[in-house]
PDB file of N, CA and C in Angstrom:
ATOM      1  N   MET A   1       0.825  -1.185   0.027  1.00  0.00           N
ATOM      2  CA  MET A   1       0.034  -0.006  -0.022  1.00  0.00           C
ATOM      3  C   MET A   1       0.909   1.230   0.025  1.00  0.00           C
ATOM      4  N   THR A   2       0.665   2.044  -1.055  1.00  0.00           N
ATOM      5  CA  THR A   2       1.492   3.191  -1.214  1.00  0.00           C
ATOM      6  C   THR A   2       0.704   4.369  -1.739  1.00  0.00           C
ATOM      7  N   VAL A   3       0.904   5.597  -1.154  1.00  0.00           N
ATOM      8  CA  VAL A   3       0.299   6.778  -1.713  1.00  0.00           C
ATOM      9  C   VAL A   3       1.461   7.368  -2.665  1.00  0.00           C
ATOM     10  N   LEU A   4       1.006   7.615  -3.852  1.00  0.00           N
ATOM     11  CA  LEU A   4       1.843   8.175  -4.923  1.00  0.00           C
ATOM     12  C   LEU A   4       1.567   9.607  -5.309  1.00  0.00           C
ATOM     13  N   ILE A   5       2.492  10.357  -5.810  1.00  0.00           N
ATOM     14  CA  ILE A   5       2.307  11.793  -6.259  1.00  0.00           C
ATOM     15  C   ILE A   5       3.085  11.989  -7.520  1.00  0.00           C
ATOM     16  N   ASP A   6       2.549  12.610  -8.443  1.00  0.00           N
ATOM     17  CA  ASP A   6       3.284  12.969  -9.672  1.00  0.00           C
ATOM     18  C   ASP A   6       3.771  14.409  -9.592  1.00  0.00           C
ATOM     19  N   PRO A   7       4.796  14.868 -10.393  1.00  0.00           N
ATOM     20  CA  PRO A   7       5.255  16.166 -10.327  1.00  0.00           C
ATOM     21  C   PRO A   7       4.176  17.234 -10.676  1.00  0.00           C
ATOM     22  N   PRO A   8       4.233  18.381 -10.067  1.00  0.00           N
ATOM     23  CA  PRO A   8       3.302  19.401 -10.391  1.00  0.00           C
ATOM     24  C   PRO A   8       3.508  19.979 -11.729  1.00  0.00           C
ATOM     25  N   ARG A   9       2.675  19.564 -12.707  1.00  0.00           N
ATOM     26  CA  ARG A   9       2.801  20.124 -14.020  1.00  0.00           C
ATOM     27  C   ARG A   9       1.614  20.234 -14.846  1.00  0.00           C
ATOM     28  N   TRP A  10       0.431  20.122 -14.081  1.00  0.00           N
ATOM     29  CA  TRP A  10      -0.854  20.273 -14.784  1.00  0.00           C
ATOM     30  C   TRP A  10      -1.448  21.613 -14.447  1.00  0.00           C
ATOM     31  N   PRO A  11      -1.445  22.563 -15.431  1.00  0.00           N
ATOM     32  CA  PRO A  11      -1.839  23.930 -15.128  1.00  0.00           C
ATOM     33  C   PRO A  11      -3.404  24.059 -15.087  1.00  0.00           C
ATOM     34  N   ALA A  12      -3.882  24.828 -14.102  1.00  0.00           N
ATOM     35  CA  ALA A  12      -5.344  25.182 -13.992  1.00  0.00           C
ATOM     36  C   ALA A  12      -5.416  26.257 -12.909  1.00  0.00           C
ATOM     37  N   HIS A  13      -6.225  27.129 -13.121  1.00  0.00           N
ATOM     38  CA  HIS A  13      -6.618  28.275 -12.104  1.00  0.00           C
ATOM     39  C   HIS A  13      -5.378  29.005 -11.658  1.00  0.00           C
ATOM     40  N   GLY A  14      -4.445  29.246 -12.632  1.00  0.00           N
ATOM     41  CA  GLY A  14      -3.214  30.049 -12.267  1.00  0.00           C
ATOM     42  C   GLY A  14      -2.176  29.406 -11.496  1.00  0.00           C
ATOM     43  N   ARG A  15      -2.346  28.030 -11.370  1.00  0.00           N
ATOM     44  CA  ARG A  15      -1.359  27.206 -10.617  1.00  0.00           C
ATOM     45  C   ARG A  15      -0.994  26.011 -11.414  1.00  0.00           C
ATOM     46  N   VAL A  16      -0.025  25.231 -10.851  1.00  0.00           N
ATOM     47  CA  VAL A  16       0.244  23.873 -11.413  1.00  0.00           C
ATOM     48  C   VAL A  16      -0.139  22.944 -10.319  1.00  0.00           C
ATOM     49  N   TRP A  17      -0.615  21.795 -10.764  1.00  0.00           N
ATOM     50  CA  TRP A  17      -1.155  20.758  -9.851  1.00  0.00           C
ATOM     51  C   TRP A  17      -0.457  19.433  -9.945  1.00  0.00           C
ATOM     52  N   SER A  18      -0.509  18.671  -8.958  1.00  0.00           N
ATOM     53  CA  SER A  18      -0.113  17.245  -8.868  1.00  0.00           C
ATOM     54  C   SER A  18      -1.257  16.364  -8.570  1.00  0.00           C
ATOM     55  N   HIS A  19      -1.100  15.064  -8.877  1.00  0.00           N
ATOM     56  CA  HIS A  19      -2.127  14.070  -8.638  1.00  0.00           C
ATOM     57  C   HIS A  19      -1.632  13.241  -7.460  1.00  0.00           C
ATOM     58  N   LEU A  20      -2.491  13.051  -6.502  1.00  0.00           N
ATOM     59  CA  LEU A  20      -2.162  12.144  -5.380  1.00  0.00           C
ATOM     60  C   LEU A  20      -3.138  11.000  -5.512  1.00  0.00           C
ATOM     61  N   VAL A  21      -2.558   9.740  -5.430  1.00  0.00           N
ATOM     62  CA  VAL A  21      -3.325   8.483  -5.580  1.00  0.00           C
ATOM     63  C   VAL A  21      -2.802   7.414  -4.649  1.00  0.00           C
ATOM     64  N   SER A  22      -3.606   6.391  -4.478  1.00  0.00           N
ATOM     65  CA  SER A  22      -3.174   5.194  -3.824  1.00  0.00           C
ATOM     66  C   SER A  22      -3.135   4.017  -4.872  1.00  0.00           C
ATOM     67  N   ASP A  23      -2.175   3.185  -4.661  1.00  0.00           N
ATOM     68  CA  ASP A  23      -2.089   1.961  -5.511  1.00  0.00           C
ATOM     69  C   ASP A  23      -2.719   0.765  -4.873  1.00  0.00           C
ATOM     70  N   ALA A  24      -3.403   0.994  -3.810  1.00  0.00           N
ATOM     71  CA  ALA A  24      -4.088  -0.134  -3.077  1.00  0.00           C
ATOM     72  C   ALA A  24      -5.480   0.103  -2.807  1.00  0.00           C
ATOM     73  N   PHE A  25      -5.829   1.171  -2.037  1.00  0.00           N
ATOM     74  CA  PHE A  25      -7.198   1.340  -1.525  1.00  0.00           C
ATOM     75  C   PHE A  25      -7.467   2.879  -1.510  1.00  0.00           C
ATOM     76  N   TYR A  26      -8.796   3.184  -1.870  1.00  0.00           N
ATOM     77  CA  TYR A  26      -9.251   4.578  -1.690  1.00  0.00           C
ATOM     78  C   TYR A  26      -9.238   4.958  -0.287  1.00  0.00           C
ATOM     79  N   THR A  27      -9.490   4.049   0.663  1.00  0.00           N
ATOM     80  CA  THR A  27      -9.568   4.393   2.098  1.00  0.00           C
ATOM     81  C   THR A  27      -8.201   4.970   2.536  1.00  0.00           C
ATOM     82  N   GLU A  28      -7.144   4.271   2.080  1.00  0.00           N
ATOM     83  CA  GLU A  28      -5.840   4.706   2.426  1.00  0.00           C
ATOM     84  C   GLU A  28      -5.599   6.144   1.870  1.00  0.00           C
ATOM     85  N   LEU A  29      -6.029   6.406   0.592  1.00  0.00           N
ATOM     86  CA  LEU A  29      -5.836   7.686   0.061  1.00  0.00           C
ATOM     87  C   LEU A  29      -6.615   8.789   0.818  1.00  0.00           C
ATOM     88  N   HIS A  30      -7.881   8.506   1.125  1.00  0.00           N
ATOM     89  CA  HIS A  30      -8.622   9.511   1.812  1.00  0.00           C
ATOM     90  C   HIS A  30      -8.057   9.808   3.243  1.00  0.00           C
ATOM     91  N   ALA A  31      -7.623   8.684   3.911  1.00  0.00           N
ATOM     92  CA  ALA A  31      -6.975   8.961   5.206  1.00  0.00           C
ATOM     93  C   ALA A  31      -5.680   9.794   5.137  1.00  0.00           C
ATOM     94  N   PHE A  32      -4.860   9.547   4.155  1.00  0.00           N
ATOM     95  CA  PHE A  32      -3.649  10.332   3.949  1.00  0.00           C
ATOM     96  C   PHE A  32      -3.978  11.768   3.637  1.00  0.00           C
ATOM     97  N   ALA A  33      -5.001  11.963   2.747  1.00  0.00           N
ATOM     98  CA  ALA A  33      -5.357  13.319   2.448  1.00  0.00           C
ATOM     99  C   ALA A  33      -5.904  14.072   3.586  1.00  0.00           C
ATOM    100  N   ALA A  34      -6.820  13.366   4.381  1.00  0.00           N
ATOM    101  CA  ALA A  34      -7.384  14.070   5.617  1.00  0.00           C
ATOM    102  C   ALA A  34      -6.197  14.401   6.566  1.00  0.00           C
ATOM    103  N   ASP A  35      -5.242  13.506   6.748  1.00  0.00           N
ATOM    104  CA  ASP A  35      -4.118  13.709   7.735  1.00  0.00           C
ATOM    105  C   ASP A  35      -3.270  14.869   7.322  1.00  0.00           C
ATOM    106  N   ASN A  36      -3.312  15.183   5.983  1.00  0.00           N
ATOM    107  CA  ASN A  36      -2.442  16.250   5.570  1.00  0.00           C
ATOM    108  C   ASN A  36      -3.162  17.459   5.100  1.00  0.00           C
ATOM    109  N   GLY A  37      -4.366  17.565   5.501  1.00  0.00           N
ATOM    110  CA  GLY A  37      -5.191  18.843   5.338  1.00  0.00           C
ATOM    111  C   GLY A  37      -5.650  19.107   3.882  1.00  0.00           C
ATOM    112  N   ILE A  38      -5.732  17.963   3.144  1.00  0.00           N
ATOM    113  CA  ILE A  38      -6.258  18.120   1.736  1.00  0.00           C
ATOM    114  C   ILE A  38      -7.776  18.053   1.713  1.00  0.00           C
ATOM    115  N   PRO A  39      -8.584  19.003   1.384  1.00  0.00           N
ATOM    116  CA  PRO A  39      -9.970  19.045   1.423  1.00  0.00           C
ATOM    117  C   PRO A  39     -10.641  17.927   0.467  1.00  0.00           C
ATOM    118  N   GLU A  40     -11.739  17.441   0.957  1.00  0.00           N
ATOM    119  CA  GLU A  40     -12.470  16.435   0.169  1.00  0.00           C
ATOM    120  C   GLU A  40     -12.833  16.877  -1.206  1.00  0.00           C
ATOM    121  N   ARG A  41     -13.034  18.193  -1.397  1.00  0.00           N
ATOM    122  CA  ARG A  41     -13.411  18.782  -2.667  1.00  0.00           C
ATOM    123  C   ARG A  41     -12.266  18.586  -3.715  1.00  0.00           C
ATOM    124  N   GLY A  42     -11.071  18.217  -3.217  1.00  0.00           N
ATOM    125  CA  GLY A  42      -9.970  18.003  -4.127  1.00  0.00           C
ATOM    126  C   GLY A  42     -10.006  16.567  -4.778  1.00  0.00           C
ATOM    127  N   PHE A  43     -10.850  15.715  -4.281  1.00  0.00           N
ATOM    128  CA  PHE A  43     -10.992  14.359  -4.856  1.00  0.00           C
ATOM    129  C   PHE A  43     -11.684  14.361  -6.164  1.00  0.00           C
ATOM    130  N   ASP A  44     -11.061  13.761  -7.216  1.00  0.00           N
ATOM    131  CA  ASP A  44     -11.736  13.807  -8.544  1.00  0.00           C
ATOM    132  C   ASP A  44     -11.744  12.358  -9.065  1.00  0.00           C
ATOM    133  N   HIS A  45     -12.756  11.613  -8.625  1.00  0.00           N
ATOM    134  CA  HIS A  45     -13.095  10.290  -8.984  1.00  0.00           C
ATOM    135  C   HIS A  45     -12.146   9.172  -8.689  1.00  0.00           C
ATOM    136  N   ASP A  46     -10.772   9.438  -8.833  1.00  0.00           N
ATOM    137  CA  ASP A  46      -9.771   8.409  -8.498  1.00  0.00           C
ATOM    138  C   ASP A  46      -8.475   9.001  -8.026  1.00  0.00           C
ATOM    139  N   HIS A  47      -8.477  10.235  -7.751  1.00  0.00           N
ATOM    140  CA  HIS A  47      -7.255  10.945  -7.332  1.00  0.00           C
ATOM    141  C   HIS A  47      -7.590  12.310  -6.722  1.00  0.00           C
ATOM    142  N   TYR A  48      -6.630  12.800  -6.000  1.00  0.00           N
ATOM    143  CA  TYR A  48      -6.755  14.156  -5.393  1.00  0.00           C
ATOM    144  C   TYR A  48      -5.904  15.054  -6.295  1.00  0.00           C
ATOM    145  N   ASP A  49      -6.448  16.241  -6.615  1.00  0.00           N
ATOM    146  CA  ASP A  49      -5.690  17.339  -7.239  1.00  0.00           C
ATOM    147  C   ASP A  49      -5.159  18.132  -6.149  1.00  0.00           C
ATOM    148  N   VAL A  50      -3.766  18.306  -6.092  1.00  0.00           N
ATOM    149  CA  VAL A  50      -3.156  19.037  -5.077  1.00  0.00           C
ATOM    150  C   VAL A  50      -2.271  20.144  -5.699  1.00  0.00           C
ATOM    151  N   PRO A  51      -2.188  21.319  -5.098  1.00  0.00           N
ATOM    152  CA  PRO A  51      -1.397  22.386  -5.714  1.00  0.00           C
ATOM    153  C   PRO A  51       0.064  22.067  -5.578  1.00  0.00           C
ATOM    154  N   GLY A  52       0.844  22.490  -6.498  1.00  0.00           N
ATOM    155  CA  GLY A  52       2.238  22.203  -6.618  1.00  0.00           C
ATOM    156  C   GLY A  52       3.057  22.613  -5.401  1.00  0.00           C
ATOM    157  N   GLU A  53       2.636  23.696  -4.736  1.00  0.00           N
ATOM    158  CA  GLU A  53       3.356  24.132  -3.527  1.00  0.00           C
ATOM    159  C   GLU A  53       3.217  23.122  -2.352  1.00  0.00           C
ATOM    160  N   ARG A  54       2.322  22.141  -2.505  1.00  0.00           N
ATOM    161  CA  ARG A  54       2.131  21.096  -1.434  1.00  0.00           C
ATOM    162  C   ARG A  54       3.026  19.846  -1.778  1.00  0.00           C
ATOM    163  N   TYR A  55       3.542  19.760  -2.979  1.00  0.00           N
ATOM    164  CA  TYR A  55       4.290  18.580  -3.461  1.00  0.00           C
ATOM    165  C   TYR A  55       5.287  18.139  -2.464  1.00  0.00           C
ATOM    166  N   GLN A  56       6.297  18.891  -2.049  1.00  0.00           N
ATOM    167  CA  GLN A  56       7.331  18.423  -1.219  1.00  0.00           C
ATOM    168  C   GLN A  56       6.810  18.132   0.187  1.00  0.00           C
ATOM    169  N   LEU A  57       5.851  18.869   0.636  1.00  0.00           N
ATOM    170  CA  LEU A  57       5.221  18.608   1.988  1.00  0.00           C
ATOM    171  C   LEU A  57       4.596  17.188   1.991  1.00  0.00           C
ATOM    172  N   LEU A  58       3.998  16.835   0.929  1.00  0.00           N
ATOM    173  CA  LEU A  58       3.360  15.522   0.835  1.00  0.00           C
ATOM    174  C   LEU A  58       4.371  14.372   0.701  1.00  0.00           C
ATOM    175  N   ILE A  59       5.431  14.668   0.020  1.00  0.00           N
ATOM    176  CA  ILE A  59       6.566  13.676   0.015  1.00  0.00           C
ATOM    177  C   ILE A  59       7.167  13.493   1.398  1.00  0.00           C
ATOM    178  N   ASP A  60       7.354  14.569   2.039  1.00  0.00           N
ATOM    179  CA  ASP A  60       7.825  14.583   3.437  1.00  0.00           C
ATOM    180  C   ASP A  60       6.857  13.731   4.352  1.00  0.00           C
ATOM    181  N   ALA A  61       5.619  13.848   4.054  1.00  0.00           N
ATOM    182  CA  ALA A  61       4.613  13.060   4.944  1.00  0.00           C
ATOM    183  C   ALA A  61       4.518  11.611   4.501  1.00  0.00           C
ATOM    184  N   GLY A  62       5.171  11.188   3.403  1.00  0.00           N
ATOM    185  CA  GLY A  62       5.136   9.771   3.042  1.00  0.00           C
ATOM    186  C   GLY A  62       4.729   9.458   1.663  1.00  0.00           C
ATOM    187  N   ALA A  63       4.185  10.383   0.840  1.00  0.00           N
ATOM    188  CA  ALA A  63       3.899  10.110  -0.485  1.00  0.00           C
ATOM    189  C   ALA A  63       5.161   9.839  -1.299  1.00  0.00           C
ATOM    190  N   VAL A  64       5.075   8.898  -2.166  1.00  0.00           N
ATOM    191  CA  VAL A  64       6.213   8.451  -2.939  1.00  0.00           C
ATOM    192  C   VAL A  64       6.165   9.183  -4.424  1.00  0.00           C
ATOM    193  N   PRO A  65       7.241   9.942  -4.717  1.00  0.00           N
ATOM    194  CA  PRO A  65       7.083  10.690  -6.029  1.00  0.00           C
ATOM    195  C   PRO A  65       7.325   9.727  -7.157  1.00  0.00           C
ATOM    196  N   VAL A  66       6.508   9.745  -8.220  1.00  0.00           N
ATOM    197  CA  VAL A  66       6.690   8.969  -9.414  1.00  0.00           C
ATOM    198  C   VAL A  66       6.289   9.822 -10.528  1.00  0.00           C
ATOM    199  N   ASP A  67       6.736   9.448 -11.751  1.00  0.00           N
ATOM    200  CA  ASP A  67       6.214  10.315 -12.900  1.00  0.00           C
ATOM    201  C   ASP A  67       4.796   9.887 -13.257  1.00  0.00           C
ATOM    202  N   SER A  68       4.154  10.738 -14.020  1.00  0.00           N
ATOM    203  CA  SER A  68       2.801  10.524 -14.318  1.00  0.00           C
ATOM    204  C   SER A  68       2.474   9.239 -14.956  1.00  0.00           C
ATOM    205  N   ARG A  69       3.357   8.817 -15.854  1.00  0.00           N
ATOM    206  CA  ARG A  69       3.113   7.418 -16.547  1.00  0.00           C
ATOM    207  C   ARG A  69       3.056   6.302 -15.541  1.00  0.00           C
ATOM    208  N   GLU A  70       4.051   6.312 -14.546  1.00  0.00           N
ATOM    209  CA  GLU A  70       4.031   5.225 -13.613  1.00  0.00           C
ATOM    210  C   GLU A  70       2.782   5.353 -12.702  1.00  0.00           C
ATOM    211  N   LEU A  71       2.404   6.568 -12.321  1.00  0.00           N
ATOM    212  CA  LEU A  71       1.226   6.726 -11.486  1.00  0.00           C
ATOM    213  C   LEU A  71       0.076   6.177 -12.164  1.00  0.00           C
ATOM    214  N   LEU A  72      -0.207   6.342 -13.479  1.00  0.00           N
ATOM    215  CA  LEU A  72      -1.354   5.786 -14.138  1.00  0.00           C
ATOM    216  C   LEU A  72      -1.199   4.294 -14.274  1.00  0.00           C
ATOM    217  N   GLN A  73       0.025   3.827 -14.575  1.00  0.00           N
ATOM    218  CA  GLN A  73       0.203   2.332 -14.653  1.00  0.00           C
ATOM    219  C   GLN A  73      -0.207   1.699 -13.337  1.00  0.00           C
ATOM    220  N   ARG A  74       0.265   2.220 -12.196  1.00  0.00           N
ATOM    221  CA  ARG A  74       0.063   1.630 -10.932  1.00  0.00           C
ATOM    222  C   ARG A  74      -1.374   1.590 -10.465  1.00  0.00           C
ATOM    223  N   ILE A  75      -2.106   2.725 -10.733  1.00  0.00           N
ATOM    224  CA  ILE A  75      -3.505   2.704 -10.262  1.00  0.00           C
ATOM    225  C   ILE A  75      -4.358   1.891 -11.275  1.00  0.00           C
ATOM    226  N   GLY A  76      -3.855   1.835 -12.517  1.00  0.00           N
ATOM    227  CA  GLY A  76      -4.564   0.937 -13.485  1.00  0.00           C
ATOM    228  C   GLY A  76      -4.396  -0.567 -13.099  1.00  0.00           C
ATOM    229  N   ALA A  77      -3.188  -0.933 -12.708  1.00  0.00           N
ATOM    230  CA  ALA A  77      -2.896  -2.327 -12.290  1.00  0.00           C
ATOM    231  C   ALA A  77      -3.699  -2.758 -11.047  1.00  0.00           C
ATOM    232  N   ALA A  78      -3.940  -1.665 -10.251  1.00  0.00           N
ATOM    233  CA  ALA A  78      -4.664  -2.025  -9.012  1.00  0.00           C
ATOM    234  C   ALA A  78      -6.135  -1.969  -9.178  1.00  0.00           C
ATOM    235  N   GLY A  79      -6.658  -1.600 -10.447  1.00  0.00           N
ATOM    236  CA  GLY A  79      -8.006  -1.588 -10.729  1.00  0.00           C
ATOM    237  C   GLY A  79      -8.720  -0.304 -10.116  1.00  0.00           C
ATOM    238  N   LEU A  80      -7.944   0.656  -9.844  1.00  0.00           N
ATOM    239  CA  LEU A  80      -8.483   1.920  -9.191  1.00  0.00           C
ATOM    240  C   LEU A  80      -8.631   3.100 -10.111  1.00  0.00           C
ATOM    241  N   ARG A  81      -8.222   2.904 -11.406  1.00  0.00           N
ATOM    242  CA  ARG A  81      -8.380   4.056 -12.381  1.00  0.00           C
ATOM    243  C   ARG A  81      -9.859   4.044 -12.896  1.00  0.00           C
ATOM    244  N   LYS A  82     -10.465   5.228 -12.914  1.00  0.00           N
ATOM    245  CA  LYS A  82     -11.827   5.352 -13.381  1.00  0.00           C
ATOM    246  C   LYS A  82     -11.717   5.969 -14.838  1.00  0.00           C
ATOM    247  N   PRO A  83     -12.158   5.249 -15.795  1.00  0.00           N
ATOM    248  CA  PRO A  83     -12.183   5.745 -17.161  1.00  0.00           C
ATOM    249  C   PRO A  83     -13.059   6.918 -17.241  1.00  0.00           C
ATOM    250  N   LYS A  84     -12.816   7.742 -18.205  1.00  0.00           N
ATOM    251  CA  LYS A  84     -13.569   9.034 -18.381  1.00  0.00           C
ATOM    252  C   LYS A  84     -15.079   8.650 -18.578  1.00  0.00           C
ATOM    253  N   ARG A  85     -15.429   7.585 -19.231  1.00  0.00           N
ATOM    254  CA  ARG A  85     -16.822   7.332 -19.474  1.00  0.00           C
ATOM    255  C   ARG A  85     -17.516   7.003 -18.186  1.00  0.00           C
ATOM    256  N   ASP A  86     -16.775   6.408 -17.244  1.00  0.00           N
ATOM    257  CA  ASP A  86     -17.338   6.164 -15.868  1.00  0.00           C
ATOM    258  C   ASP A  86     -17.515   7.497 -15.188  1.00  0.00           C
ATOM    259  N   ARG A  87     -16.587   8.385 -15.347  1.00  0.00           N
ATOM    260  CA  ARG A  87     -16.723   9.702 -14.604  1.00  0.00           C
ATOM    261  C   ARG A  87     -17.991  10.451 -15.144  1.00  0.00           C
ATOM    262  N   ARG A  88     -18.212  10.334 -16.489  1.00  0.00           N
ATOM    263  CA  ARG A  88     -19.383  11.004 -17.019  1.00  0.00           C
ATOM    264  C   ARG A  88     -20.634  10.271 -16.447  1.00  0.00           C
ATOM    265  N   SER A  89     -20.680   9.008 -16.356  1.00  0.00           N
ATOM    266  CA  SER A  89     -21.907   8.403 -15.793  1.00  0.00           C
ATOM    267  C   SER A  89     -22.220   8.718 -14.348  1.00  0.00           C
ATOM    268  N   VAL A  90     -21.075   8.860 -13.588  1.00  0.00           N
ATOM    269  CA  VAL A  90     -21.262   9.254 -12.183  1.00  0.00           C
ATOM    270  C   VAL A  90     -21.832  10.693 -12.085  1.00  0.00           C
ATOM    271  N   ALA A  91     -21.373  11.587 -12.996  1.00  0.00           N
ATOM    272  CA  ALA A  91     -21.938  12.933 -13.017  1.00  0.00           C
ATOM    273  C   ALA A  91     -23.407  12.882 -13.416  1.00  0.00           C
ATOM    274  N   GLN A  92     -23.799  12.073 -14.389  1.00  0.00           N
ATOM    275  CA  GLN A  92     -25.153  11.844 -14.828  1.00  0.00           C
ATOM    276  C   GLN A  92     -26.020  11.325 -13.597  1.00  0.00           C
ATOM    277  N   ALA A  93     -25.472  10.410 -12.924  1.00  0.00           N
ATOM    278  CA  ALA A  93     -26.234   9.753 -11.779  1.00  0.00           C
ATOM    279  C   ALA A  93     -26.434  10.795 -10.635  1.00  0.00           C
ATOM    280  N   LEU A  94     -25.507  11.748 -10.514  1.00  0.00           N
ATOM    281  CA  LEU A  94     -25.585  12.816  -9.522  1.00  0.00           C
ATOM    282  C   LEU A  94     -26.551  13.930  -9.990  1.00  0.00           C
ATOM    283  N   GLY A  95     -26.866  13.963 -11.309  1.00  0.00           N
ATOM    284  CA  GLY A  95     -27.780  14.911 -11.854  1.00  0.00           C
ATOM    285  C   GLY A  95     -26.945  16.265 -12.233  1.00  0.00           C
ATOM    286  N   VAL A  96     -25.606  16.035 -12.392  1.00  0.00           N
ATOM    287  CA  VAL A  96     -24.806  17.184 -12.818  1.00  0.00           C
ATOM    288  C   VAL A  96     -24.854  17.282 -14.312  1.00  0.00           C
ATOM    289  N   SER A  97     -25.165  18.384 -14.835  1.00  0.00           N
ATOM    290  CA  SER A  97     -25.312  18.622 -16.274  1.00  0.00           C
ATOM    291  C   SER A  97     -23.928  18.837 -16.970  1.00  0.00           C
ATOM    292  N   PRO A  98     -23.769  18.250 -18.127  1.00  0.00           N
ATOM    293  CA  PRO A  98     -22.529  18.411 -18.835  1.00  0.00           C
ATOM    294  C   PRO A  98     -22.443  19.818 -19.328  1.00  0.00           C
ATOM    295  N   PRO A  99     -21.245  20.367 -19.577  1.00  0.00           N
ATOM    296  CA  PRO A  99     -21.134  21.738 -20.140  1.00  0.00           C
ATOM    297  C   PRO A  99     -22.015  21.931 -21.397  1.00  0.00           C
ATOM    298  N   ALA A 100     -22.404  23.142 -21.651  1.00  0.00           N
ATOM    299  CA  ALA A 100     -23.139  23.420 -22.836  1.00  0.00           C
ATOM    300  C   ALA A 100     -22.428  22.916 -24.141  1.00  0.00           C
ATOM    301  N   GLY A 101     -23.146  22.259 -24.977  1.00  0.00           N
ATOM    302  CA  GLY A 101     -22.481  21.729 -26.229  1.00  0.00           C
ATOM    303  C   GLY A 101     -21.773  20.505 -26.104  1.00  0.00           C
ATOM    304  N   ALA A 102     -21.563  19.927 -24.882  1.00  0.00           N
ATOM    305  CA  ALA A 102     -20.890  18.691 -24.710  1.00  0.00           C
ATOM    306  C   ALA A 102     -21.744  17.485 -25.048  1.00  0.00           C
ATOM    307  N   ARG A 103     -21.150  16.541 -25.762  1.00  0.00           N
ATOM    308  CA  ARG A 103     -21.850  15.346 -26.106  1.00  0.00           C
ATOM    309  C   ARG A 103     -21.757  14.321 -24.955  1.00  0.00           C
ATOM    310  N   THR A 104     -22.836  13.644 -24.701  1.00  0.00           N
ATOM    311  CA  THR A 104     -22.767  12.585 -23.645  1.00  0.00           C
ATOM    312  C   THR A 104     -22.800  11.282 -24.430  1.00  0.00           C
ATOM    313  N   PRO A 105     -22.424  10.139 -23.760  1.00  0.00           N
ATOM    314  CA  PRO A 105     -22.461   8.904 -24.488  1.00  0.00           C
ATOM    315  C   PRO A 105     -23.795   8.520 -24.967  1.00  0.00           C
ATOM    316  N   GLY A 106     -23.839   8.100 -26.239  1.00  0.00           N
ATOM    317  CA  GLY A 106     -24.990   7.736 -26.933  1.00  0.00           C
ATOM    318  C   GLY A 106     -25.741   8.878 -27.544  1.00  0.00           C
ATOM    319  N   SER A 107     -25.295  10.062 -27.312  1.00  0.00           N
ATOM    320  CA  SER A 107     -26.024  11.203 -27.951  1.00  0.00           C
ATOM    321  C   SER A 107     -25.484  11.471 -29.347  1.00  0.00           C
ATOM    322  N   ALA A 108     -26.334  11.871 -30.123  1.00  0.00           N
ATOM    323  CA  ALA A 108     -25.947  12.295 -31.515  1.00  0.00           C
ATOM    324  C   ALA A 108     -25.705  13.746 -31.611  1.00  0.00           C
ATOM    325  N   PRO A 109     -24.894  14.227 -32.480  1.00  0.00           N
ATOM    326  CA  PRO A 109     -24.770  15.690 -32.630  1.00  0.00           C
ATOM    327  C   PRO A 109     -26.136  16.280 -33.066  1.00  0.00           C
ATOM    328  N   SER A 110     -26.496  17.389 -32.498  1.00  0.00           N
ATOM    329  CA  SER A 110     -27.762  18.038 -32.886  1.00  0.00           C
ATOM    330  C   SER A 110     -27.673  18.578 -34.278  1.00  0.00           C
ATOM    331  N   ALA A 111     -28.841  18.515 -34.909  1.00  0.00           N
ATOM    332  CA  ALA A 111     -28.957  19.076 -36.302  1.00  0.00           C
ATOM    333  C   ALA A 111     -28.909  20.602 -36.201  1.00  0.00           C
ATOM    334  N   PRO A 112     -28.232  21.227 -37.214  1.00  0.00           N
ATOM    335  CA  PRO A 112     -28.297  22.671 -37.101  1.00  0.00           C
ATOM    336  C   PRO A 112     -29.703  23.228 -37.206  1.00  0.00           C
ATOM    337  N   ARG A 113     -30.003  24.269 -36.514  1.00  0.00           N
ATOM    338  CA  ARG A 113     -31.316  24.891 -36.623  1.00  0.00           C
ATOM    339  C   ARG A 113     -31.478  25.720 -37.741  1.00  0.00           C
ATOM    340  N   ARG A 114     -32.589  25.619 -38.496  1.00  0.00           N
ATOM    341  CA  ARG A 114     -32.822  26.399 -39.633  1.00  0.00           C
ATOM    342  C   ARG A 114     -33.663  27.671 -39.261  1.00  0.00           C
ATOM    343  N   PRO A 115     -33.373  28.765 -39.846  1.00  0.00           N
ATOM    344  CA  PRO A 115     -34.227  29.924 -39.441  1.00  0.00           C
ATOM    345  C   PRO A 115     -35.587  29.732 -39.994  1.00  0.00           C
ATOM    346  N   PRO A 116     -36.620  30.336 -39.428  1.00  0.00           N
ATOM    347  CA  PRO A 116     -37.952  30.176 -39.848  1.00  0.00           C
ATOM    348  C   PRO A 116     -38.094  30.764 -41.308  1.00  0.00           C
ATOM    349  N   GLY A 117     -38.811  30.111 -42.126  1.00  0.00           N
ATOM    350  CA  GLY A 117     -38.985  30.578 -43.486  1.00  0.00           C
ATOM    351  C   GLY A 117     -37.775  30.290 -44.406  1.00  0.00           C
ATOM    352  N   GLY A 118     -36.796  29.708 -43.924  1.00  0.00           N
ATOM    353  CA  GLY A 118     -35.612  29.317 -44.759  1.00  0.00           C
ATOM    354  C   GLY A 118     -35.852  28.092 -45.614  1.00  0.00           C
ATOM    355  N   PRO A 119     -34.898  27.687 -46.439  1.00  0.00           N
ATOM    356  CA  PRO A 119     -35.045  26.493 -47.266  1.00  0.00           C
ATOM    357  C   PRO A 119     -35.117  25.284 -46.362  1.00  0.00           C
ATOM    358  N   SER A 120     -35.847  24.234 -46.816  1.00  0.00           N
ATOM    359  CA  SER A 120     -35.958  23.030 -46.040  1.00  0.00           C
ATOM    360  C   SER A 120     -35.011  21.984 -46.439  1.00  0.00           C
TER     361      SER A 120
END
């Protein structure tokens, strides 16, 4: 059982972010996050997004630094990786709407709207 962290290289909201995961159990990951002051809102289906300035602090607390490729391989091998299609279905089950214009699984692109009185 290991908590892993990748280098802070994912830009968003004016910062760079790391991913914090467990290669064994979500319970281990949630406990590590709580013990280190990472808010629950940072959990994104199979990992925590943590700001780059917390990277070294989390390593000092016991997270093992790995590159992003190894992180994905290890959570995939443990069966803990949530494919994007599963993330969308969770959002749908929670009643969260996709962004405007986004396609959902099984949806067809909408036909362009014709102005009234235009050619058919």
